[in-house]
Amino acid sequence: MNTRLKELFKQASTTPWHPDDVGSLDAEKFAELIIRECAQQAAQMRHVYPHQAELTATTILSHFGVQP
C-alpha cells in the first residue's frame, strides 16, 4: 500500500490505527476518501484541460453518490 493509501486508510479507521488491523476500517468512509482523492486529481488537471477537469471531477463524485 502506498503512503497516500495508508493515510486514507488511517483516516477511515474507527479505532487507533495499526497497519495489520483491517477489522477497524470503516469501508464506506475509505471508499469515499479514495473517490474524493480521484476527483481532486482530475480537478487539478485544469491547466491541461481547462473545460474538462472540473466536469470530470464532478462526474466522478456524482457517479459514486459523493457530495462535493
N, C-alpha and C. Protein backbone atom coordinates (compact mmCIF):
# COMPACT_ATOMS: atom_id res chain seq x y z
N MET A 1 0.85 -1.17 0.00
CA MET A 1 0.00 0.00 0.00
C MET A 1 0.90 1.23 0.00
N ASN A 2 0.63 2.17 -0.90
CA ASN A 2 1.47 3.36 -0.94
C ASN A 2 1.14 4.31 0.21
N THR A 3 1.96 5.31 0.38
CA THR A 3 1.85 6.23 1.51
C THR A 3 0.49 6.92 1.55
N ARG A 4 0.01 7.39 0.41
CA ARG A 4 -1.27 8.10 0.40
C ARG A 4 -2.42 7.17 0.79
N LEU A 5 -2.42 5.93 0.28
CA LEU A 5 -3.46 4.98 0.65
C LEU A 5 -3.40 4.67 2.14
N LYS A 6 -2.21 4.59 2.69
CA LYS A 6 -2.07 4.35 4.14
C LYS A 6 -2.68 5.51 4.93
N GLU A 7 -2.48 6.74 4.45
CA GLU A 7 -3.06 7.90 5.12
C GLU A 7 -4.59 7.85 5.05
N LEU A 8 -5.13 7.50 3.88
CA LEU A 8 -6.58 7.40 3.75
C LEU A 8 -7.12 6.27 4.62
N PHE A 9 -6.41 5.17 4.66
CA PHE A 9 -6.80 4.03 5.49
C PHE A 9 -6.84 4.46 6.96
N LYS A 10 -5.84 5.21 7.37
CA LYS A 10 -5.76 5.71 8.75
C LYS A 10 -6.95 6.62 9.06
N GLN A 11 -7.31 7.50 8.11
CA GLN A 11 -8.44 8.40 8.30
C GLN A 11 -9.77 7.65 8.41
N ALA A 12 -9.86 6.49 7.75
CA ALA A 12 -11.09 5.71 7.75
C ALA A 12 -11.16 4.72 8.91
N SER A 13 -10.11 4.61 9.69
CA SER A 13 -10.07 3.68 10.80
C SER A 13 -11.00 4.14 11.91
N THR A 14 -11.71 3.21 12.50
CA THR A 14 -12.64 3.54 13.57
C THR A 14 -12.02 3.41 14.96
N THR A 15 -10.82 2.88 15.02
CA THR A 15 -10.09 2.73 16.29
C THR A 15 -8.66 3.20 16.06
N PRO A 16 -7.85 3.31 17.12
CA PRO A 16 -6.43 3.65 16.88
C PRO A 16 -5.86 2.71 15.83
N TRP A 17 -5.22 3.29 14.86
CA TRP A 17 -4.84 2.55 13.66
C TRP A 17 -3.59 1.73 13.82
N HIS A 18 -3.64 0.52 13.28
CA HIS A 18 -2.49 -0.36 13.16
C HIS A 18 -2.52 -0.94 11.75
N PRO A 19 -1.40 -0.97 11.05
CA PRO A 19 -1.40 -1.37 9.63
C PRO A 19 -1.95 -2.76 9.35
N ASP A 20 -1.91 -3.67 10.32
CA ASP A 20 -2.39 -5.03 10.09
C ASP A 20 -3.84 -5.23 10.53
N ASP A 21 -4.47 -4.19 11.05
CA ASP A 21 -5.82 -4.32 11.60
C ASP A 21 -6.85 -3.73 10.65
N VAL A 22 -7.35 -4.56 9.73
CA VAL A 22 -8.36 -4.07 8.79
C VAL A 22 -9.76 -4.19 9.38
N GLY A 23 -9.90 -4.84 10.51
CA GLY A 23 -11.21 -5.00 11.14
C GLY A 23 -11.77 -3.70 11.66
N SER A 24 -10.94 -2.72 11.89
CA SER A 24 -11.41 -1.45 12.42
C SER A 24 -11.63 -0.41 11.32
N LEU A 25 -11.68 -0.85 10.09
CA LEU A 25 -11.82 0.05 8.95
C LEU A 25 -13.29 0.33 8.66
N ASP A 26 -13.63 1.59 8.49
CA ASP A 26 -14.95 1.98 8.00
C ASP A 26 -14.84 1.95 6.48
N ALA A 27 -15.25 0.85 5.88
CA ALA A 27 -15.07 0.63 4.45
C ALA A 27 -15.75 1.71 3.61
N GLU A 28 -16.92 2.16 4.02
CA GLU A 28 -17.62 3.20 3.26
C GLU A 28 -16.83 4.50 3.27
N LYS A 29 -16.30 4.86 4.43
CA LYS A 29 -15.51 6.09 4.52
C LYS A 29 -14.23 5.96 3.70
N PHE A 30 -13.58 4.80 3.75
CA PHE A 30 -12.36 4.57 2.98
C PHE A 30 -12.65 4.73 1.49
N ALA A 31 -13.75 4.14 1.03
CA ALA A 31 -14.12 4.26 -0.38
C ALA A 31 -14.39 5.72 -0.75
N GLU A 32 -15.09 6.45 0.13
CA GLU A 32 -15.38 7.85 -0.14
C GLU A 32 -14.10 8.67 -0.22
N LEU A 33 -13.15 8.40 0.66
CA LEU A 33 -11.88 9.12 0.64
C LEU A 33 -11.12 8.87 -0.66
N ILE A 34 -11.14 7.64 -1.14
CA ILE A 34 -10.48 7.31 -2.41
C ILE A 34 -11.18 8.03 -3.56
N ILE A 35 -12.50 8.03 -3.56
CA ILE A 35 -13.26 8.71 -4.62
C ILE A 35 -12.94 10.20 -4.62
N ARG A 36 -12.92 10.81 -3.45
CA ARG A 36 -12.59 12.23 -3.35
C ARG A 36 -11.17 12.51 -3.86
N GLU A 37 -10.26 11.62 -3.53
CA GLU A 37 -8.87 11.77 -3.97
C GLU A 37 -8.80 11.73 -5.49
N CYS A 38 -9.53 10.81 -6.11
CA CYS A 38 -9.56 10.71 -7.58
C CYS A 38 -10.14 11.97 -8.19
N ALA A 39 -11.23 12.47 -7.61
CA ALA A 39 -11.85 13.69 -8.12
C ALA A 39 -10.90 14.88 -7.99
N GLN A 40 -10.17 14.95 -6.88
CA GLN A 40 -9.21 16.04 -6.70
C GLN A 40 -8.10 15.97 -7.76
N GLN A 41 -7.66 14.77 -8.06
CA GLN A 41 -6.62 14.62 -9.08
C GLN A 41 -7.15 15.09 -10.44
N ALA A 42 -8.39 14.74 -10.76
CA ALA A 42 -8.98 15.18 -12.03
C ALA A 42 -9.10 16.70 -12.06
N ALA A 43 -9.55 17.29 -10.96
CA ALA A 43 -9.72 18.75 -10.91
C ALA A 43 -8.40 19.48 -11.06
N GLN A 44 -7.32 18.87 -10.63
CA GLN A 44 -6.01 19.51 -10.73
C GLN A 44 -5.48 19.56 -12.16
N MET A 45 -6.16 18.93 -13.07
CA MET A 45 -5.74 18.94 -14.48
C MET A 45 -6.27 20.16 -15.23
N ARG A 46 -6.76 21.17 -14.48
CA ARG A 46 -7.31 22.39 -15.10
C ARG A 46 -6.34 23.05 -16.07
N HIS A 47 -5.07 23.02 -15.75
CA HIS A 47 -4.09 23.69 -16.62
C HIS A 47 -3.92 22.96 -17.96
N VAL A 48 -4.25 21.68 -18.00
CA VAL A 48 -4.12 20.91 -19.24
C VAL A 48 -5.46 20.86 -19.98
N TYR A 49 -6.53 20.63 -19.22
CA TYR A 49 -7.87 20.50 -19.79
C TYR A 49 -8.81 21.47 -19.07
N PRO A 50 -8.73 22.75 -19.36
CA PRO A 50 -9.47 23.75 -18.59
C PRO A 50 -10.98 23.55 -18.54
N HIS A 51 -11.58 23.02 -19.59
CA HIS A 51 -13.04 22.87 -19.62
C HIS A 51 -13.49 21.50 -19.16
N GLN A 52 -12.62 20.55 -19.14
CA GLN A 52 -12.99 19.18 -18.81
C GLN A 52 -12.68 18.79 -17.37
N ALA A 53 -11.68 19.40 -16.77
CA ALA A 53 -11.21 18.96 -15.46
C ALA A 53 -12.29 19.01 -14.38
N GLU A 54 -12.96 20.14 -14.26
CA GLU A 54 -13.99 20.27 -13.22
C GLU A 54 -15.18 19.36 -13.52
N LEU A 55 -15.55 19.25 -14.78
CA LEU A 55 -16.65 18.36 -15.17
C LEU A 55 -16.31 16.91 -14.84
N THR A 56 -15.09 16.52 -15.11
CA THR A 56 -14.66 15.16 -14.81
C THR A 56 -14.70 14.91 -13.30
N ALA A 57 -14.20 15.84 -12.52
CA ALA A 57 -14.20 15.69 -11.05
C ALA A 57 -15.63 15.57 -10.54
N THR A 58 -16.52 16.43 -11.02
CA THR A 58 -17.92 16.40 -10.59
C THR A 58 -18.60 15.10 -11.01
N THR A 59 -18.29 14.63 -12.20
CA THR A 59 -18.86 13.38 -12.70
C THR A 59 -18.43 12.20 -11.85
N ILE A 60 -17.17 12.18 -11.45
CA ILE A 60 -16.67 11.10 -10.59
C ILE A 60 -17.44 11.09 -9.27
N LEU A 61 -17.54 12.25 -8.63
CA LEU A 61 -18.26 12.33 -7.36
C LEU A 61 -19.73 11.92 -7.53
N SER A 62 -20.37 12.44 -8.55
CA SER A 62 -21.78 12.14 -8.80
C SER A 62 -22.00 10.66 -9.07
N HIS A 63 -21.13 10.05 -9.85
CA HIS A 63 -21.26 8.64 -10.19
C HIS A 63 -21.30 7.75 -8.94
N PHE A 64 -20.52 8.12 -7.95
CA PHE A 64 -20.46 7.32 -6.72
C PHE A 64 -21.36 7.87 -5.62
N GLY A 65 -22.11 8.94 -5.91
CA GLY A 65 -23.04 9.48 -4.93
C GLY A 65 -22.37 10.21 -3.78
N VAL A 66 -21.20 10.78 -4.05
CA VAL A 66 -20.45 11.53 -3.03
C VAL A 66 -20.71 13.01 -3.24
N GLN A 67 -21.10 13.69 -2.19
CA GLN A 67 -21.37 15.12 -2.27
C GLN A 67 -20.06 15.89 -2.39
N PRO A 68 -20.04 16.94 -3.27
CA PRO A 68 -18.82 17.74 -3.40
C PRO A 68 -18.46 18.50 -2.15
